[in-house]
């Protein structure tokens, strides 16, 4: 099964969120979540909930590290830190992760997150 299909269809939570693969390279992954109203954090504001942002960072970073592993290896997050820089607008939410360090048991990825149409304006 291609890795794109694996990411999009083999995890019930990914399917629930609608996670889509935009690009996969060795040590780099770009994913996005298509916008839907249920991702809004507060009824009075058209901003994506911070939990959606951190979830996308977690998934994207994990799969970037996984591109450097064997197919059957288990990858789990041990630390996740998110700097929220500005609100994510009510549009598709993109994340790109790049592996910065890969050791024998631990990998590290840097993730940039932005709203559709503004790839140079990081929201986290």
PDB file of N, CA and C in Angstrom:
ATOM      1  N   UNK A   1       0.847  -1.174   0.000  1.00  0.00           N
ATOM      2  CA  UNK A   1       0.000   0.000   0.000  1.00  0.00           C
ATOM      3  C   UNK A   1       0.897   1.244   0.000  1.00  0.00           C
ATOM      4  N   UNK A   2       0.611   2.188  -0.863  1.00  0.00           N
ATOM      5  CA  UNK A   2       1.406   3.428  -0.875  1.00  0.00           C
ATOM      6  C   UNK A   2       1.277   4.170   0.457  1.00  0.00           C
ATOM      7  N   UNK A   3       2.343   4.843   0.866  1.00  0.00           N
ATOM      8  CA  UNK A   3       2.344   5.537   2.158  1.00  0.00           C
ATOM      9  C   UNK A   3       1.254   6.603   2.217  1.00  0.00           C
ATOM     10  N   UNK A   4       0.958   7.266   1.099  1.00  0.00           N
ATOM     11  CA  UNK A   4      -0.097   8.280   1.092  1.00  0.00           C
ATOM     12  C   UNK A   4      -1.434   7.682   1.512  1.00  0.00           C
ATOM     13  N   UNK A   5      -1.765   6.547   0.926  1.00  0.00           N
ATOM     14  CA  UNK A   5      -3.022   5.883   1.256  1.00  0.00           C
ATOM     15  C   UNK A   5      -3.010   5.385   2.699  1.00  0.00           C
ATOM     16  N   UNK A   6      -1.854   4.871   3.141  1.00  0.00           N
ATOM     17  CA  UNK A   6      -1.698   4.401   4.513  1.00  0.00           C
ATOM     18  C   UNK A   6      -2.011   5.532   5.502  1.00  0.00           C
ATOM     19  N   UNK A   7      -1.438   6.711   5.289  1.00  0.00           N
ATOM     20  CA  UNK A   7      -1.652   7.852   6.183  1.00  0.00           C
ATOM     21  C   UNK A   7      -3.112   8.288   6.174  1.00  0.00           C
ATOM     22  N   UNK A   8      -3.721   8.335   5.014  1.00  0.00           N
ATOM     23  CA  UNK A   8      -5.084   8.859   4.877  1.00  0.00           C
ATOM     24  C   UNK A   8      -6.176   7.893   5.315  1.00  0.00           C
ATOM     25  N   UNK A   9      -5.936   6.576   5.198  1.00  0.00           N
ATOM     26  CA  UNK A   9      -7.036   5.628   5.393  1.00  0.00           C
ATOM     27  C   UNK A   9      -6.858   4.602   6.506  1.00  0.00           C
ATOM     28  N   UNK A  10      -5.652   4.405   6.996  1.00  0.00           N
ATOM     29  CA  UNK A  10      -5.422   3.313   7.949  1.00  0.00           C
ATOM     30  C   UNK A  10      -5.463   3.736   9.412  1.00  0.00           C
ATOM     31  N   UNK A  11      -5.791   4.982   9.681  1.00  0.00           N
ATOM     32  CA  UNK A  11      -5.900   5.490  11.046  1.00  0.00           C
ATOM     33  C   UNK A  11      -7.282   6.114  11.190  1.00  0.00           C
ATOM     34  N   UNK A  12      -8.149   5.555  12.017  1.00  0.00           N
ATOM     35  CA  UNK A  12      -9.500   6.099  12.144  1.00  0.00           C
ATOM     36  C   UNK A  12      -9.530   7.599  12.479  1.00  0.00           C
ATOM     37  N   UNK A  13      -8.606   8.056  13.330  1.00  0.00           N
ATOM     38  CA  UNK A  13      -8.583   9.474  13.683  1.00  0.00           C
ATOM     39  C   UNK A  13      -8.214  10.335  12.477  1.00  0.00           C
ATOM     40  N   UNK A  14      -7.292   9.878  11.656  1.00  0.00           N
ATOM     41  CA  UNK A  14      -6.927  10.612  10.437  1.00  0.00           C
ATOM     42  C   UNK A  14      -8.136  10.724   9.509  1.00  0.00           C
ATOM     43  N   UNK A  15      -8.868   9.645   9.373  1.00  0.00           N
ATOM     44  CA  UNK A  15     -10.071   9.666   8.529  1.00  0.00           C
ATOM     45  C   UNK A  15     -11.108  10.627   9.097  1.00  0.00           C
ATOM     46  N   UNK A  16     -11.287  10.627  10.409  1.00  0.00           N
ATOM     47  CA  UNK A  16     -12.240  11.521  11.057  1.00  0.00           C
ATOM     48  C   UNK A  16     -11.887  12.990  10.780  1.00  0.00           C
ATOM     49  N   UNK A  17     -10.597  13.319  10.881  1.00  0.00           N
ATOM     50  CA  UNK A  17     -10.149  14.691  10.626  1.00  0.00           C
ATOM     51  C   UNK A  17     -10.111  15.025   9.140  1.00  0.00           C
ATOM     52  N   UNK A  18     -10.006  13.992   8.308  1.00  0.00           N
ATOM     53  CA  UNK A  18      -9.895  14.211   6.868  1.00  0.00           C
ATOM     54  C   UNK A  18      -8.473  14.464   6.410  1.00  0.00           C
ATOM     55  N   UNK A  19      -7.483  14.005   7.173  1.00  0.00           N
ATOM     56  CA  UNK A  19      -6.067  14.230   6.842  1.00  0.00           C
ATOM     57  C   UNK A  19      -5.795  13.821   5.399  1.00  0.00           C
ATOM     58  N   UNK A  20      -5.097  14.698   4.673  1.00  0.00           N
ATOM     59  CA  UNK A  20      -4.703  14.436   3.286  1.00  0.00           C
ATOM     60  C   UNK A  20      -3.202  14.647   3.143  1.00  0.00           C
ATOM     61  N   UNK A  21      -2.594  13.871   2.280  1.00  0.00           N
ATOM     62  CA  UNK A  21      -1.172  14.006   1.982  1.00  0.00           C
ATOM     63  C   UNK A  21      -1.015  14.954   0.808  1.00  0.00           C
ATOM     64  N   UNK A  22      -0.152  15.937   0.973  1.00  0.00           N
ATOM     65  CA  UNK A  22       0.163  16.869  -0.113  1.00  0.00           C
ATOM     66  C   UNK A  22       1.501  16.517  -0.756  1.00  0.00           C
ATOM     67  N   UNK A  23       2.478  16.081   0.086  1.00  0.00           N
ATOM     68  CA  UNK A  23       3.807  15.762  -0.435  1.00  0.00           C
ATOM     69  C   UNK A  23       4.534  14.877   0.563  1.00  0.00           C
ATOM     70  N   UNK A  24       5.273  13.908   0.047  1.00  0.00           N
ATOM     71  CA  UNK A  24       6.145  13.083   0.886  1.00  0.00           C
ATOM     72  C   UNK A  24       7.475  12.931   0.176  1.00  0.00           C
ATOM     73  N   UNK A  25       8.537  13.224   0.920  1.00  0.00           N
ATOM     74  CA  UNK A  25       9.901  13.010   0.451  1.00  0.00           C
ATOM     75  C   UNK A  25      10.665  12.364   1.595  1.00  0.00           C
ATOM     76  N   UNK A  26      11.862  11.890   1.319  1.00  0.00           N
ATOM     77  CA  UNK A  26      12.675  11.358   2.390  1.00  0.00           C
ATOM     78  C   UNK A  26      12.995  12.494   3.339  1.00  0.00           C
ATOM     79  N   UNK A  27      12.623  12.386   4.567  1.00  0.00           N
ATOM     80  CA  UNK A  27      12.809  13.315   5.681  1.00  0.00           C
ATOM     81  C   UNK A  27      11.895  14.539   5.659  1.00  0.00           C
ATOM     82  N   UNK A  28      10.845  14.523   4.846  1.00  0.00           N
ATOM     83  CA  UNK A  28       9.927  15.659   4.789  1.00  0.00           C
ATOM     84  C   UNK A  28       8.524  15.185   4.404  1.00  0.00           C
ATOM     85  N   UNK A  29       7.532  15.712   5.116  1.00  0.00           N
ATOM     86  CA  UNK A  29       6.137  15.371   4.834  1.00  0.00           C
ATOM     87  C   UNK A  29       5.300  16.647   4.906  1.00  0.00           C
ATOM     88  N   UNK A  30       4.374  16.803   3.970  1.00  0.00           N
ATOM     89  CA  UNK A  30       3.406  17.905   4.021  1.00  0.00           C
ATOM     90  C   UNK A  30       2.011  17.300   3.985  1.00  0.00           C
ATOM     91  N   UNK A  31       1.222  17.621   5.021  1.00  0.00           N
ATOM     92  CA  UNK A  31      -0.149  17.148   5.152  1.00  0.00           C
ATOM     93  C   UNK A  31      -1.078  18.345   5.267  1.00  0.00           C
ATOM     94  N   UNK A  32      -2.367  18.105   5.062  1.00  0.00           N
ATOM     95  CA  UNK A  32      -3.343  19.156   5.333  1.00  0.00           C
ATOM     96  C   UNK A  32      -4.660  18.550   5.788  1.00  0.00           C
ATOM     97  N   UNK A  33      -5.411  19.393   6.495  1.00  0.00           N
ATOM     98  CA  UNK A  33      -6.758  19.034   6.920  1.00  0.00           C
ATOM     99  C   UNK A  33      -7.711  19.972   6.189  1.00  0.00           C
ATOM    100  N   UNK A  34      -8.573  19.430   5.332  1.00  0.00           N
ATOM    101  CA  UNK A  34      -9.557  20.287   4.662  1.00  0.00           C
ATOM    102  C   UNK A  34     -10.472  20.946   5.694  1.00  0.00           C
ATOM    103  N   UNK A  35     -10.772  22.205   5.470  1.00  0.00           N
ATOM    104  CA  UNK A  35     -11.601  22.941   6.415  1.00  0.00           C
ATOM    105  C   UNK A  35     -13.008  22.366   6.476  1.00  0.00           C
ATOM    106  N   UNK A  36     -13.535  22.312   7.695  1.00  0.00           N
ATOM    107  CA  UNK A  36     -14.953  22.051   7.941  1.00  0.00           C
ATOM    108  C   UNK A  36     -15.325  22.811   9.207  1.00  0.00           C
ATOM    109  N   UNK A  37     -16.580  23.194   9.317  1.00  0.00           N
ATOM    110  CA  UNK A  37     -17.038  24.030  10.434  1.00  0.00           C
ATOM    111  C   UNK A  37     -16.704  23.442  11.799  1.00  0.00           C
ATOM    112  N   UNK A  38     -16.677  22.133  11.898  1.00  0.00           N
ATOM    113  CA  UNK A  38     -16.443  21.476  13.187  1.00  0.00           C
ATOM    114  C   UNK A  38     -15.027  21.727  13.731  1.00  0.00           C
ATOM    115  N   UNK A  39     -14.136  22.292  12.932  1.00  0.00           N
ATOM    116  CA  UNK A  39     -12.769  22.571  13.382  1.00  0.00           C
ATOM    117  C   UNK A  39     -12.637  23.929  14.055  1.00  0.00           C
ATOM    118  N   UNK A  40     -13.692  24.750  13.978  1.00  0.00           N
ATOM    119  CA  UNK A  40     -13.680  26.079  14.583  1.00  0.00           C
ATOM    120  C   UNK A  40     -13.654  25.935  16.103  1.00  0.00           C
ATOM    121  N   UNK A  41     -12.825  26.753  16.756  1.00  0.00           N
ATOM    122  CA  UNK A  41     -12.664  26.650  18.201  1.00  0.00           C
ATOM    123  C   UNK A  41     -13.728  27.357  19.021  1.00  0.00           C
ATOM    124  N   UNK A  42     -14.326  28.405  18.486  1.00  0.00           N
ATOM    125  CA  UNK A  42     -15.317  29.183  19.230  1.00  0.00           C
ATOM    126  C   UNK A  42     -16.354  29.690  18.248  1.00  0.00           C
ATOM    127  N   UNK A  43     -17.625  29.599  18.622  1.00  0.00           N
ATOM    128  CA  UNK A  43     -18.716  29.935  17.698  1.00  0.00           C
ATOM    129  C   UNK A  43     -18.661  31.369  17.187  1.00  0.00           C
ATOM    130  N   UNK A  44     -18.080  32.287  17.953  1.00  0.00           N
ATOM    131  CA  UNK A  44     -18.040  33.691  17.542  1.00  0.00           C
ATOM    132  C   UNK A  44     -16.824  34.051  16.698  1.00  0.00           C
ATOM    133  N   UNK A  45     -15.892  33.128  16.558  1.00  0.00           N
ATOM    134  CA  UNK A  45     -14.659  33.410  15.809  1.00  0.00           C
ATOM    135  C   UNK A  45     -14.446  32.375  14.724  1.00  0.00           C
ATOM    136  N   UNK A  46     -13.995  32.810  13.601  1.00  0.00           N
ATOM    137  CA  UNK A  46     -13.706  31.905  12.479  1.00  0.00           C
ATOM    138  C   UNK A  46     -12.241  31.465  12.539  1.00  0.00           C
ATOM    139  N   UNK A  47     -11.842  30.849  13.645  1.00  0.00           N
ATOM    140  CA  UNK A  47     -10.468  30.397  13.820  1.00  0.00           C
ATOM    141  C   UNK A  47     -10.456  28.906  14.149  1.00  0.00           C
ATOM    142  N   UNK A  48      -9.468  28.212  13.608  1.00  0.00           N
ATOM    143  CA  UNK A  48      -9.308  26.784  13.864  1.00  0.00           C
ATOM    144  C   UNK A  48      -8.894  26.576  15.330  1.00  0.00           C
ATOM    145  N   UNK A  49      -9.454  25.575  15.965  1.00  0.00           N
ATOM    146  CA  UNK A  49      -9.136  25.233  17.354  1.00  0.00           C
ATOM    147  C   UNK A  49      -7.650  24.869  17.475  1.00  0.00           C
ATOM    148  N   UNK A  50      -7.023  25.319  18.559  1.00  0.00           N
ATOM    149  CA  UNK A  50      -5.607  25.026  18.788  1.00  0.00           C
ATOM    150  C   UNK A  50      -5.300  23.545  18.871  1.00  0.00           C
ATOM    151  N   UNK A  51      -6.240  22.753  19.334  1.00  0.00           N
ATOM    152  CA  UNK A  51      -6.032  21.309  19.399  1.00  0.00           C
ATOM    153  C   UNK A  51      -5.900  20.676  18.025  1.00  0.00           C
ATOM    154  N   UNK A  52      -6.592  21.232  17.049  1.00  0.00           N
ATOM    155  CA  UNK A  52      -6.469  20.746  15.666  1.00  0.00           C
ATOM    156  C   UNK A  52      -5.065  21.054  15.153  1.00  0.00           C
ATOM    157  N   UNK A  53      -4.577  22.241  15.471  1.00  0.00           N
ATOM    158  CA  UNK A  53      -3.236  22.648  15.045  1.00  0.00           C
ATOM    159  C   UNK A  53      -2.184  21.720  15.643  1.00  0.00           C
ATOM    160  N   UNK A  54      -2.267  21.473  16.946  1.00  0.00           N
ATOM    161  CA  UNK A  54      -1.268  20.606  17.584  1.00  0.00           C
ATOM    162  C   UNK A  54      -1.382  19.162  17.103  1.00  0.00           C
ATOM    163  N   UNK A  55      -2.584  18.718  16.833  1.00  0.00           N
ATOM    164  CA  UNK A  55      -2.773  17.363  16.308  1.00  0.00           C
ATOM    165  C   UNK A  55      -2.119  17.213  14.942  1.00  0.00           C
ATOM    166  N   UNK A  56      -2.321  18.196  14.074  1.00  0.00           N
ATOM    167  CA  UNK A  56      -1.705  18.145  12.743  1.00  0.00           C
ATOM    168  C   UNK A  56      -0.185  18.172  12.861  1.00  0.00           C
ATOM    169  N   UNK A  57       0.352  18.970  13.784  1.00  0.00           N
ATOM    170  CA  UNK A  57       1.805  19.004  14.002  1.00  0.00           C
ATOM    171  C   UNK A  57       2.314  17.629  14.438  1.00  0.00           C
ATOM    172  N   UNK A  58       1.612  17.005  15.362  1.00  0.00           N
ATOM    173  CA  UNK A  58       2.003  15.695  15.881  1.00  0.00           C
ATOM    174  C   UNK A  58       2.026  14.645  14.772  1.00  0.00           C
ATOM    175  N   UNK A  59       0.969  14.578  14.010  1.00  0.00           N
ATOM    176  CA  UNK A  59       0.863  13.578  12.942  1.00  0.00           C
ATOM    177  C   UNK A  59       1.921  13.824  11.871  1.00  0.00           C
ATOM    178  N   UNK A  60       2.068  15.061  11.462  1.00  0.00           N
ATOM    179  CA  UNK A  60       3.005  15.386  10.387  1.00  0.00           C
ATOM    180  C   UNK A  60       4.449  15.127  10.815  1.00  0.00           C
ATOM    181  N   UNK A  61       4.810  15.550  12.010  1.00  0.00           N
ATOM    182  CA  UNK A  61       6.163  15.313  12.507  1.00  0.00           C
ATOM    183  C   UNK A  61       6.473  13.831  12.646  1.00  0.00           C
ATOM    184  N   UNK A  62       5.513  13.072  13.138  1.00  0.00           N
ATOM    185  CA  UNK A  62       5.711  11.626  13.280  1.00  0.00           C
ATOM    186  C   UNK A  62       5.963  10.942  11.955  1.00  0.00           C
ATOM    187  N   UNK A  63       5.204  11.321  10.938  1.00  0.00           N
ATOM    188  CA  UNK A  63       5.405  10.681   9.639  1.00  0.00           C
ATOM    189  C   UNK A  63       6.677  11.152   8.947  1.00  0.00           C
ATOM    190  N   UNK A  64       7.125  12.371   9.221  1.00  0.00           N
ATOM    191  CA  UNK A  64       8.415  12.806   8.674  1.00  0.00           C
ATOM    192  C   UNK A  64       9.528  11.929   9.239  1.00  0.00           C
ATOM    193  N   UNK A  65       9.500  11.687  10.545  1.00  0.00           N
ATOM    194  CA  UNK A  65      10.493  10.802  11.160  1.00  0.00           C
ATOM    195  C   UNK A  65      10.344   9.392  10.602  1.00  0.00           C
ATOM    196  N   UNK A  66       9.116   8.962  10.420  1.00  0.00           N
ATOM    197  CA  UNK A  66       8.867   7.602   9.928  1.00  0.00           C
ATOM    198  C   UNK A  66       9.415   7.372   8.516  1.00  0.00           C
ATOM    199  N   UNK A  67       9.552   8.431   7.717  1.00  0.00           N
ATOM    200  CA  UNK A  67      10.140   8.256   6.379  1.00  0.00           C
ATOM    201  C   UNK A  67      11.575   7.762   6.464  1.00  0.00           C
ATOM    202  N   UNK A  68      12.200   7.924   7.637  1.00  0.00           N
ATOM    203  CA  UNK A  68      13.580   7.491   7.843  1.00  0.00           C
ATOM    204  C   UNK A  68      13.668   6.119   8.514  1.00  0.00           C
ATOM    205  N   UNK A  69      12.513   5.511   8.762  1.00  0.00           N
ATOM    206  CA  UNK A  69      12.449   4.239   9.489  1.00  0.00           C
ATOM    207  C   UNK A  69      12.029   3.111   8.553  1.00  0.00           C
ATOM    208  N   UNK A  70      11.980   1.923   9.116  1.00  0.00           N
ATOM    209  CA  UNK A  70      11.456   0.771   8.394  1.00  0.00           C
ATOM    210  C   UNK A  70       9.934   0.789   8.468  1.00  0.00           C
ATOM    211  N   UNK A  71       9.270   0.202   7.499  1.00  0.00           N
ATOM    212  CA  UNK A  71       7.800   0.231   7.418  1.00  0.00           C
ATOM    213  C   UNK A  71       7.125  -0.292   8.681  1.00  0.00           C
ATOM    214  N   UNK A  72       7.688  -1.305   9.313  1.00  0.00           N
ATOM    215  CA  UNK A  72       7.061  -1.896  10.498  1.00  0.00           C
ATOM    216  C   UNK A  72       7.512  -1.274  11.814  1.00  0.00           C
ATOM    217  N   UNK A  73       8.371  -0.259  11.759  1.00  0.00           N
ATOM    218  CA  UNK A  73       8.814   0.403  12.985  1.00  0.00           C
ATOM    219  C   UNK A  73       7.652   1.146  13.630  1.00  0.00           C
ATOM    220  N   UNK A  74       7.697   1.227  14.946  1.00  0.00           N
ATOM    221  CA  UNK A  74       6.686   1.945  15.717  1.00  0.00           C
ATOM    222  C   UNK A  74       7.237   3.328  16.042  1.00  0.00           C
ATOM    223  N   UNK A  75       6.484   4.360  15.697  1.00  0.00           N
ATOM    224  CA  UNK A  75       6.881   5.737  15.986  1.00  0.00           C
ATOM    225  C   UNK A  75       5.834   6.338  16.922  1.00  0.00           C
ATOM    226  N   UNK A  76       6.297   6.905  18.024  1.00  0.00           N
ATOM    227  CA  UNK A  76       5.398   7.548  18.985  1.00  0.00           C
ATOM    228  C   UNK A  76       6.009   8.871  19.432  1.00  0.00           C
ATOM    229  N   UNK A  77       5.167   9.841  19.667  1.00  0.00           N
ATOM    230  CA  UNK A  77       5.627  11.138  20.139  1.00  0.00           C
ATOM    231  C   UNK A  77       5.998  11.051  21.610  1.00  0.00           C
ATOM    232  N   UNK A  78       7.181  11.585  21.949  1.00  0.00           N
ATOM    233  CA  UNK A  78       7.570  11.619  23.363  1.00  0.00           C
ATOM    234  C   UNK A  78       7.521  13.050  23.908  1.00  0.00           C
ATOM    235  N   UNK A  79       7.673  14.031  23.046  1.00  0.00           N
ATOM    236  CA  UNK A  79       7.565  15.429  23.441  1.00  0.00           C
ATOM    237  C   UNK A  79       7.010  16.220  22.269  1.00  0.00           C
ATOM    238  N   UNK A  80       6.057  17.100  22.573  1.00  0.00           N
ATOM    239  CA  UNK A  80       5.481  17.966  21.544  1.00  0.00           C
ATOM    240  C   UNK A  80       5.372  19.362  22.121  1.00  0.00           C
ATOM    241  N   UNK A  81       5.960  20.306  21.441  1.00  0.00           N
ATOM    242  CA  UNK A  81       5.883  21.703  21.862  1.00  0.00           C
ATOM    243  C   UNK A  81       5.372  22.514  20.684  1.00  0.00           C
ATOM    244  N   UNK A  82       4.339  23.311  20.926  1.00  0.00           N
ATOM    245  CA  UNK A  82       3.746  24.118  19.864  1.00  0.00           C
ATOM    246  C   UNK A  82       3.795  25.586  20.260  1.00  0.00           C
ATOM    247  N   UNK A  83       4.346  26.399  19.386  1.00  0.00           N
ATOM    248  CA  UNK A  83       4.305  27.849  19.545  1.00  0.00           C
ATOM    249  C   UNK A  83       3.205  28.367  18.638  1.00  0.00           C
ATOM    250  N   UNK A  84       2.116  28.832  19.243  1.00  0.00           N
ATOM    251  CA  UNK A  84       1.006  29.396  18.477  1.00  0.00           C
ATOM    252  C   UNK A  84       1.353  30.845  18.166  1.00  0.00           C
ATOM    253  N   UNK A  85       1.465  31.169  16.897  1.00  0.00           N
ATOM    254  CA  UNK A  85       1.955  32.482  16.483  1.00  0.00           C
ATOM    255  C   UNK A  85       0.851  33.459  16.101  1.00  0.00           C
ATOM    256  N   UNK A  86      -0.210  32.945  15.502  1.00  0.00           N
ATOM    257  CA  UNK A  86      -1.357  33.777  15.092  1.00  0.00           C
ATOM    258  C   UNK A  86      -2.523  32.849  14.827  1.00  0.00           C
ATOM    259  N   UNK A  87      -3.736  33.387  14.753  1.00  0.00           N
ATOM    260  CA  UNK A  87      -4.903  32.532  14.511  1.00  0.00           C
ATOM    261  C   UNK A  87      -4.836  31.855  13.135  1.00  0.00           C
ATOM    262  N   UNK A  88      -5.304  30.628  13.102  1.00  0.00           N
ATOM    263  CA  UNK A  88      -5.449  29.899  11.833  1.00  0.00           C
ATOM    264  C   UNK A  88      -6.856  30.193  11.319  1.00  0.00           C
ATOM    265  N   UNK A  89      -6.937  30.761  10.138  1.00  0.00           N
ATOM    266  CA  UNK A  89      -8.224  31.153   9.575  1.00  0.00           C
ATOM    267  C   UNK A  89      -9.039  29.939   9.140  1.00  0.00           C
ATOM    268  N   UNK A  90     -10.294  30.173   8.871  1.00  0.00           N
ATOM    269  CA  UNK A  90     -11.229  29.106   8.485  1.00  0.00           C
ATOM    270  C   UNK A  90     -10.968  28.679   7.046  1.00  0.00           C
ATOM    271  N   UNK A  91      -9.850  28.042   6.851  1.00  0.00           N
ATOM    272  CA  UNK A  91      -9.428  27.519   5.546  1.00  0.00           C
ATOM    273  C   UNK A  91      -8.730  26.183   5.794  1.00  0.00           C
ATOM    274  N   UNK A  92      -8.354  25.512   4.718  1.00  0.00           N
ATOM    275  CA  UNK A  92      -7.577  24.283   4.886  1.00  0.00           C
ATOM    276  C   UNK A  92      -6.334  24.606   5.700  1.00  0.00           C
ATOM    277  N   UNK A  93      -5.934  23.667   6.554  1.00  0.00           N
ATOM    278  CA  UNK A  93      -4.784  23.856   7.432  1.00  0.00           C
ATOM    279  C   UNK A  93      -3.648  22.945   6.967  1.00  0.00           C
ATOM    280  N   UNK A  94      -2.494  23.531   6.682  1.00  0.00           N
ATOM    281  CA  UNK A  94      -1.337  22.798   6.161  1.00  0.00           C
ATOM    282  C   UNK A  94      -0.242  22.703   7.204  1.00  0.00           C
ATOM    283  N   UNK A  95       0.513  21.612   7.139  1.00  0.00           N
ATOM    284  CA  UNK A  95       1.705  21.443   7.970  1.00  0.00           C
ATOM    285  C   UNK A  95       2.786  20.776   7.144  1.00  0.00           C
ATOM    286  N   UNK A  96       4.007  21.256   7.322  1.00  0.00           N
ATOM    287  CA  UNK A  96       5.149  20.601   6.701  1.00  0.00           C
ATOM    288  C   UNK A  96       6.178  20.322   7.782  1.00  0.00           C
ATOM    289  N   UNK A  97       6.611  19.069   7.846  1.00  0.00           N
ATOM    290  CA  UNK A  97       7.591  18.644   8.835  1.00  0.00           C
ATOM    291  C   UNK A  97       8.863  18.206   8.137  1.00  0.00           C
ATOM    292  N   UNK A  98       9.980  18.614   8.725  1.00  0.00           N
ATOM    293  CA  UNK A  98      11.291  18.213   8.224  1.00  0.00           C
ATOM    294  C   UNK A  98      12.080  17.621   9.379  1.00  0.00           C
ATOM    295  N   UNK A  99      12.698  16.483   9.129  1.00  0.00           N
ATOM    296  CA  UNK A  99      13.508  15.833  10.152  1.00  0.00           C
ATOM    297  C   UNK A  99      14.765  16.664  10.380  1.00  0.00           C
ATOM    298  N   UNK A 100      15.010  16.994  11.652  1.00  0.00           N
ATOM    299  CA  UNK A 100      16.221  17.752  11.990  1.00  0.00           C
ATOM    300  C   UNK A 100      17.300  16.856  12.575  1.00  0.00           C
ATOM    301  N   UNK A 101      16.887  15.811  13.262  1.00  0.00           N
ATOM    302  CA  UNK A 101      17.836  14.939  13.938  1.00  0.00           C
ATOM    303  C   UNK A 101      17.230  13.547  14.019  1.00  0.00           C
ATOM    304  N   UNK A 102      18.027  12.549  13.726  1.00  0.00           N
ATOM    305  CA  UNK A 102      17.550  11.172  13.832  1.00  0.00           C
ATOM    306  C   UNK A 102      18.628  10.339  14.480  1.00  0.00           C
ATOM    307  N   UNK A 103      18.317   9.838  15.660  1.00  0.00           N
ATOM    308  CA  UNK A 103      19.257   8.996  16.376  1.00  0.00           C
ATOM    309  C   UNK A 103      18.827   7.544  16.283  1.00  0.00           C
ATOM    310  N   UNK A 104      19.387   6.720  17.149  1.00  0.00           N
ATOM    311  CA  UNK A 104      19.089   5.300  17.162  1.00  0.00           C
ATOM    312  C   UNK A 104      17.673   5.025  17.650  1.00  0.00           C
ATOM    313  N   UNK A 105      17.185   5.832  18.614  1.00  0.00           N
ATOM    314  CA  UNK A 105      15.861   5.595  19.194  1.00  0.00           C
ATOM    315  C   UNK A 105      14.955   6.814  19.167  1.00  0.00           C
ATOM    316  N   UNK A 106      15.491   7.988  18.890  1.00  0.00           N
ATOM    317  CA  UNK A 106      14.718   9.217  18.954  1.00  0.00           C
ATOM    318  C   UNK A 106      14.954  10.052  17.704  1.00  0.00           C
ATOM    319  N   UNK A 107      13.867  10.604  17.182  1.00  0.00           N
ATOM    320  CA  UNK A 107      13.964  11.516  16.050  1.00  0.00           C
ATOM    321  C   UNK A 107      13.363  12.858  16.432  1.00  0.00           C
ATOM    322  N   UNK A 108      13.767  13.900  15.726  1.00  0.00           N
ATOM    323  CA  UNK A 108      13.275  15.249  15.991  1.00  0.00           C
ATOM    324  C   UNK A 108      12.888  15.881  14.665  1.00  0.00           C
ATOM    325  N   UNK A 109      11.717  16.501  14.653  1.00  0.00           N
ATOM    326  CA  UNK A 109      11.253  17.166  13.436  1.00  0.00           C
ATOM    327  C   UNK A 109      10.813  18.583  13.771  1.00  0.00           C
ATOM    328  N   UNK A 110      10.978  19.476  12.828  1.00  0.00           N
ATOM    329  CA  UNK A 110      10.477  20.847  12.946  1.00  0.00           C
ATOM    330  C   UNK A 110       9.276  20.953  12.006  1.00  0.00           C
ATOM    331  N   UNK A 111       8.179  21.495  12.526  1.00  0.00           N
ATOM    332  CA  UNK A 111       6.936  21.570  11.761  1.00  0.00           C
ATOM    333  C   UNK A 111       6.515  23.025  11.626  1.00  0.00           C
ATOM    334  N   UNK A 112       6.163  23.421  10.425  1.00  0.00           N
ATOM    335  CA  UNK A 112       5.583  24.739  10.164  1.00  0.00           C
ATOM    336  C   UNK A 112       4.136  24.531   9.759  1.00  0.00           C
ATOM    337  N   UNK A 113       3.258  25.381  10.290  1.00  0.00           N
ATOM    338  CA  UNK A 113       1.822  25.248  10.010  1.00  0.00           C
ATOM    339  C   UNK A 113       1.292  26.576   9.498  1.00  0.00           C
ATOM    340  N   UNK A 114       0.448  26.499   8.471  1.00  0.00           N
ATOM    341  CA  UNK A 114      -0.128  27.698   7.869  1.00  0.00           C
ATOM    342  C   UNK A 114      -1.521  27.421   7.342  1.00  0.00           C
ATOM    343  N   UNK A 115      -2.255  28.490   7.088  1.00  0.00           N
ATOM    344  CA  UNK A 115      -3.584  28.383   6.487  1.00  0.00           C
ATOM    345  C   UNK A 115      -3.453  28.430   4.969  1.00  0.00           C
ATOM    346  N   UNK A 116      -4.356  27.741   4.294  1.00  0.00           N
ATOM    347  CA  UNK A 116      -4.374  27.700   2.838  1.00  0.00           C
ATOM    348  C   UNK A 116      -4.246  29.112   2.252  1.00  0.00           C
ATOM    349  N   UNK A 117      -3.409  29.220   1.230  1.00  0.00           N
ATOM    350  CA  UNK A 117      -3.229  30.486   0.541  1.00  0.00           C
ATOM    351  C   UNK A 117      -2.176  31.393   1.146  1.00  0.00           C
ATOM    352  N   UNK A 118      -1.633  31.018   2.292  1.00  0.00           N
ATOM    353  CA  UNK A 118      -0.628  31.853   2.958  1.00  0.00           C
ATOM    354  C   UNK A 118       0.533  31.016   3.480  1.00  0.00           C
ATOM    355  N   UNK A 119       1.267  30.332   2.598  1.00  0.00           N
ATOM    356  CA  UNK A 119       2.324  29.424   3.048  1.00  0.00           C
ATOM    357  C   UNK A 119       3.500  30.120   3.738  1.00  0.00           C
ATOM    358  N   UNK A 120       3.638  31.421   3.573  1.00  0.00           N
ATOM    359  CA  UNK A 120       4.725  32.149   4.208  1.00  0.00           C
ATOM    360  C   UNK A 120       4.336  32.777   5.535  1.00  0.00           C
ATOM    361  N   UNK A 121       3.088  32.550   5.977  1.00  0.00           N
ATOM    362  CA  UNK A 121       2.597  33.124   7.228  1.00  0.00           C
ATOM    363  C   UNK A 121       2.295  31.971   8.185  1.00  0.00           C
ATOM    364  N   UNK A 122       3.259  31.655   9.035  1.00  0.00           N
ATOM    365  CA  UNK A 122       3.079  30.542   9.960  1.00  0.00           C
ATOM    366  C   UNK A 122       2.089  30.894  11.057  1.00  0.00           C
ATOM    367  N   UNK A 123       1.179  29.953  11.323  1.00  0.00           N
ATOM    368  CA  UNK A 123       0.254  30.111  12.456  1.00  0.00           C
ATOM    369  C   UNK A 123       0.808  29.389  13.683  1.00  0.00           C
ATOM    370  N   UNK A 124       1.693  28.428  13.448  1.00  0.00           N
ATOM    371  CA  UNK A 124       2.347  27.712  14.564  1.00  0.00           C
ATOM    372  C   UNK A 124       3.616  27.068  14.055  1.00  0.00           C
TER     373      UNK A 124
END
